[in-house]
Every structure is written in C-alpha cells, then in structure tokens.
Amino acid sequence: MRLLINFEISKSYPEWKAVFDAHKSSRDEANVKDVFVGVEAANPQKVHLMFEVEDMAAMQAFMQRPENAAIIEQSGHIVESTVMIPLAD
C-alpha cells in the first residue's frame, strides 16, 4: 500500500533530509520503500513523503521502535504534526 505522510520540521529541510537519507538502510530493512520525498515550495518547514509499505501496522511499528523514534526526533520532525494517509488505487 502507498502511504502519504506530511509533517512540520523544526530544522531546515537540508538538515532534516541529511538525517532521513542516513537512515535509509533502516527503512530498507523494514521494507519501507521511498516513493517521494519533498518539501512544500511555499513552506520550507512542511515535508511530504510517500512510502510503499506492507500495511499501516508495520509502518507504525517501524516509527515507534526506540532507535527510530530517537532518529525521528533528532531530525527535527515535529511528531505531533504528523498526518498519515493510506492511499488506494
């Protein structure tokens, strides 16, 4: 399934993106595939992602692992601003 996610960041997009890119191997291991990664043109503090994931439960489990949760926090991702939208064809 495809999953659209958006959230705000407290750091610059390049700072956030560097942490995100460095964490790719963990996403690969969890079978979370990057489809799109970008920032709003009019709001550089709002990130949009699209992933291909097995299901919502697997994605939520991935994000809640303590080591992943710490990296998400370090990246500047404002967790309480996160919106996750499962998509269907």
N, C-alpha and C. Protein backbone atom coordinates (compact mmCIF):
# COMPACT_ATOMS: atom_id res chain seq x y z
N MET A 1 0.84 -1.18 0.00
CA MET A 1 0.00 0.00 0.00
C MET A 1 0.88 1.24 0.00
N ARG A 2 0.36 2.30 -0.55
CA ARG A 2 1.06 3.58 -0.52
C ARG A 2 0.55 4.40 0.66
N LEU A 3 1.49 5.11 1.26
CA LEU A 3 1.19 5.90 2.44
C LEU A 3 1.73 7.31 2.24
N LEU A 4 0.84 8.29 2.30
CA LEU A 4 1.21 9.70 2.19
C LEU A 4 1.35 10.25 3.61
N ILE A 5 2.48 10.89 3.87
CA ILE A 5 2.74 11.44 5.21
C ILE A 5 3.17 12.89 5.04
N ASN A 6 2.67 13.76 5.90
CA ASN A 6 3.19 15.11 5.95
C ASN A 6 3.35 15.54 7.39
N PHE A 7 4.30 16.44 7.62
CA PHE A 7 4.59 16.91 8.97
C PHE A 7 5.44 18.17 8.88
N GLU A 8 5.55 18.85 10.00
CA GLU A 8 6.38 20.04 10.09
C GLU A 8 7.73 19.65 10.69
N ILE A 9 8.74 20.47 10.37
CA ILE A 9 10.08 20.25 10.91
C ILE A 9 10.56 21.51 11.62
N SER A 10 11.39 21.31 12.64
CA SER A 10 11.93 22.43 13.41
C SER A 10 13.32 22.85 12.92
N LYS A 11 13.91 22.05 12.03
CA LYS A 11 15.21 22.36 11.45
C LYS A 11 15.00 22.70 9.98
N SER A 12 16.08 23.06 9.30
CA SER A 12 15.95 23.32 7.87
C SER A 12 15.71 22.00 7.13
N TYR A 13 15.13 22.12 5.93
CA TYR A 13 14.90 20.91 5.13
C TYR A 13 16.21 20.18 4.82
N PRO A 14 17.29 20.86 4.43
CA PRO A 14 18.54 20.13 4.18
C PRO A 14 19.06 19.38 5.42
N GLU A 15 18.88 19.97 6.61
CA GLU A 15 19.29 19.28 7.84
C GLU A 15 18.43 18.05 8.07
N TRP A 16 17.11 18.21 7.93
CA TRP A 16 16.21 17.07 8.10
C TRP A 16 16.52 15.98 7.07
N LYS A 17 16.71 16.39 5.81
CA LYS A 17 16.92 15.43 4.72
C LYS A 17 18.20 14.63 4.91
N ALA A 18 19.25 15.26 5.45
CA ALA A 18 20.50 14.55 5.70
C ALA A 18 20.29 13.40 6.69
N VAL A 19 19.52 13.65 7.74
CA VAL A 19 19.22 12.59 8.71
C VAL A 19 18.35 11.52 8.07
N PHE A 20 17.34 11.94 7.32
CA PHE A 20 16.46 10.99 6.62
C PHE A 20 17.25 10.09 5.69
N ASP A 21 18.12 10.68 4.88
CA ASP A 21 18.93 9.90 3.93
C ASP A 21 19.86 8.92 4.65
N ALA A 22 20.44 9.35 5.75
CA ALA A 22 21.36 8.49 6.51
C ALA A 22 20.64 7.29 7.13
N HIS A 23 19.33 7.37 7.24
CA HIS A 23 18.52 6.32 7.88
C HIS A 23 17.89 5.37 6.86
N LYS A 24 18.27 5.47 5.59
CA LYS A 24 17.67 4.67 4.53
C LYS A 24 17.81 3.17 4.75
N SER A 25 18.94 2.72 5.25
CA SER A 25 19.14 1.28 5.44
C SER A 25 18.13 0.70 6.43
N SER A 26 17.76 1.48 7.44
CA SER A 26 16.74 1.01 8.40
C SER A 26 15.38 0.90 7.73
N ARG A 27 15.05 1.85 6.85
CA ARG A 27 13.78 1.76 6.12
C ARG A 27 13.80 0.55 5.18
N ASP A 28 14.93 0.33 4.53
CA ASP A 28 15.05 -0.82 3.63
C ASP A 28 14.84 -2.13 4.38
N GLU A 29 15.46 -2.25 5.56
CA GLU A 29 15.32 -3.46 6.37
C GLU A 29 13.87 -3.71 6.78
N ALA A 30 13.11 -2.63 6.99
CA ALA A 30 11.71 -2.73 7.40
C ALA A 30 10.77 -2.81 6.20
N ASN A 31 11.34 -2.88 4.99
CA ASN A 31 10.56 -2.95 3.76
C ASN A 31 9.67 -1.72 3.56
N VAL A 32 10.22 -0.56 3.94
CA VAL A 32 9.57 0.73 3.72
C VAL A 32 10.30 1.38 2.55
N LYS A 33 9.62 1.50 1.42
CA LYS A 33 10.26 1.99 0.21
C LYS A 33 9.88 3.45 -0.06
N ASP A 34 10.89 4.29 -0.27
CA ASP A 34 10.66 5.70 -0.59
C ASP A 34 10.08 5.81 -2.00
N VAL A 35 8.99 6.54 -2.14
CA VAL A 35 8.40 6.83 -3.44
C VAL A 35 8.61 8.31 -3.77
N PHE A 36 8.39 9.17 -2.79
CA PHE A 36 8.57 10.61 -2.96
C PHE A 36 8.99 11.23 -1.64
N VAL A 37 9.92 12.18 -1.71
CA VAL A 37 10.36 12.95 -0.55
C VAL A 37 10.52 14.39 -1.01
N GLY A 38 9.82 15.32 -0.37
CA GLY A 38 9.94 16.71 -0.77
C GLY A 38 9.40 17.65 0.29
N VAL A 39 9.57 18.92 0.01
CA VAL A 39 9.13 19.98 0.91
C VAL A 39 8.23 20.92 0.12
N GLU A 40 7.27 21.52 0.80
CA GLU A 40 6.38 22.47 0.13
C GLU A 40 7.18 23.66 -0.38
N ALA A 41 6.92 24.06 -1.60
CA ALA A 41 7.60 25.21 -2.19
C ALA A 41 7.32 26.49 -1.40
N ALA A 42 6.09 26.64 -0.91
CA ALA A 42 5.71 27.85 -0.19
C ALA A 42 5.94 27.77 1.32
N ASN A 43 6.31 26.58 1.82
CA ASN A 43 6.52 26.40 3.26
C ASN A 43 7.67 25.43 3.48
N PRO A 44 8.89 25.91 3.62
CA PRO A 44 10.05 25.02 3.76
C PRO A 44 10.11 24.26 5.07
N GLN A 45 9.12 24.44 5.92
CA GLN A 45 9.06 23.68 7.18
C GLN A 45 8.03 22.55 7.12
N LYS A 46 7.44 22.31 5.93
CA LYS A 46 6.41 21.28 5.78
C LYS A 46 6.91 20.23 4.78
N VAL A 47 7.13 19.01 5.29
CA VAL A 47 7.66 17.91 4.49
C VAL A 47 6.52 16.99 4.07
N HIS A 48 6.63 16.45 2.85
CA HIS A 48 5.68 15.47 2.35
C HIS A 48 6.48 14.24 1.90
N LEU A 49 6.00 13.08 2.30
CA LEU A 49 6.63 11.81 1.94
C LEU A 49 5.57 10.88 1.37
N MET A 50 5.99 10.02 0.48
CA MET A 50 5.14 8.90 0.08
C MET A 50 6.01 7.66 0.16
N PHE A 51 5.50 6.67 0.87
CA PHE A 51 6.17 5.39 1.01
C PHE A 51 5.30 4.28 0.45
N GLU A 52 5.94 3.22 0.04
CA GLU A 52 5.27 1.95 -0.26
C GLU A 52 5.55 1.08 0.97
N VAL A 53 4.49 0.63 1.64
CA VAL A 53 4.63 -0.16 2.87
C VAL A 53 3.73 -1.40 2.80
N GLU A 54 4.07 -2.36 3.62
CA GLU A 54 3.27 -3.59 3.69
C GLU A 54 1.86 -3.28 4.18
N ASP A 55 1.77 -2.56 5.29
CA ASP A 55 0.49 -2.13 5.85
C ASP A 55 0.75 -1.06 6.90
N MET A 56 -0.30 -0.43 7.39
CA MET A 56 -0.17 0.65 8.37
C MET A 56 0.46 0.16 9.67
N ALA A 57 0.10 -1.03 10.10
CA ALA A 57 0.64 -1.55 11.36
C ALA A 57 2.15 -1.69 11.29
N ALA A 58 2.68 -2.15 10.16
CA ALA A 58 4.12 -2.30 10.00
C ALA A 58 4.81 -0.93 10.04
N MET A 59 4.20 0.07 9.41
CA MET A 59 4.79 1.41 9.41
C MET A 59 4.77 2.01 10.81
N GLN A 60 3.67 1.86 11.50
CA GLN A 60 3.59 2.40 12.86
C GLN A 60 4.58 1.70 13.78
N ALA A 61 4.75 0.40 13.63
CA ALA A 61 5.73 -0.33 14.43
C ALA A 61 7.14 0.18 14.14
N PHE A 62 7.44 0.43 12.87
CA PHE A 62 8.75 0.95 12.47
C PHE A 62 9.01 2.30 13.14
N MET A 63 8.04 3.20 13.09
CA MET A 63 8.22 4.54 13.64
C MET A 63 8.31 4.54 15.16
N GLN A 64 7.74 3.53 15.81
CA GLN A 64 7.73 3.50 17.27
C GLN A 64 8.91 2.75 17.88
N ARG A 65 9.71 2.09 17.06
CA ARG A 65 10.91 1.46 17.61
C ARG A 65 11.75 2.54 18.28
N PRO A 66 12.27 2.27 19.48
CA PRO A 66 13.01 3.31 20.20
C PRO A 66 14.15 3.93 19.39
N GLU A 67 14.91 3.12 18.67
CA GLU A 67 16.03 3.66 17.89
C GLU A 67 15.54 4.55 16.74
N ASN A 68 14.41 4.18 16.13
CA ASN A 68 13.86 5.00 15.05
C ASN A 68 13.19 6.25 15.60
N ALA A 69 12.49 6.12 16.70
CA ALA A 69 11.86 7.28 17.33
C ALA A 69 12.91 8.32 17.69
N ALA A 70 14.07 7.90 18.17
CA ALA A 70 15.14 8.83 18.53
C ALA A 70 15.67 9.56 17.30
N ILE A 71 15.83 8.85 16.21
CA ILE A 71 16.32 9.47 14.97
C ILE A 71 15.28 10.45 14.43
N ILE A 72 14.02 10.05 14.48
CA ILE A 72 12.95 10.95 14.02
C ILE A 72 12.99 12.25 14.83
N GLU A 73 13.16 12.14 16.13
CA GLU A 73 13.22 13.33 16.98
C GLU A 73 14.47 14.17 16.66
N GLN A 74 15.61 13.53 16.49
CA GLN A 74 16.86 14.24 16.18
C GLN A 74 16.79 14.98 14.85
N SER A 75 16.01 14.46 13.92
CA SER A 75 15.94 15.06 12.58
C SER A 75 15.24 16.41 12.58
N GLY A 76 14.48 16.69 13.63
CA GLY A 76 13.69 17.91 13.67
C GLY A 76 12.23 17.71 13.30
N HIS A 77 11.86 16.45 13.05
CA HIS A 77 10.46 16.09 12.74
C HIS A 77 9.61 16.39 13.97
N ILE A 78 8.60 17.22 13.81
CA ILE A 78 7.68 17.54 14.90
C ILE A 78 6.58 16.47 14.86
N VAL A 79 6.73 15.47 15.71
CA VAL A 79 5.91 14.26 15.66
C VAL A 79 4.42 14.56 15.78
N GLU A 80 4.06 15.49 16.66
CA GLU A 80 2.64 15.77 16.87
C GLU A 80 1.98 16.44 15.67
N SER A 81 2.76 16.89 14.69
CA SER A 81 2.19 17.49 13.48
C SER A 81 1.98 16.46 12.36
N THR A 82 2.33 15.21 12.61
CA THR A 82 2.30 14.18 11.57
C THR A 82 0.88 13.78 11.18
N VAL A 83 0.67 13.75 9.87
CA VAL A 83 -0.59 13.24 9.30
C VAL A 83 -0.21 12.09 8.36
N MET A 84 -0.82 10.91 8.58
CA MET A 84 -0.56 9.74 7.75
C MET A 84 -1.85 9.37 7.04
N ILE A 85 -1.77 9.25 5.69
CA ILE A 85 -2.97 8.97 4.91
C ILE A 85 -2.71 7.74 4.04
N PRO A 86 -3.35 6.61 4.35
CA PRO A 86 -3.23 5.43 3.49
C PRO A 86 -3.94 5.71 2.16
N LEU A 87 -3.31 5.32 1.06
CA LEU A 87 -3.87 5.55 -0.26
C LEU A 87 -4.25 4.23 -0.92
N ALA A 88 -5.26 4.28 -1.75
CA ALA A 88 -5.70 3.11 -2.52
C ALA A 88 -5.72 3.49 -4.00
N ASP A 89 -5.51 2.50 -4.86
CA ASP A 89 -5.56 2.73 -6.31
C ASP A 89 -7.00 2.84 -6.76
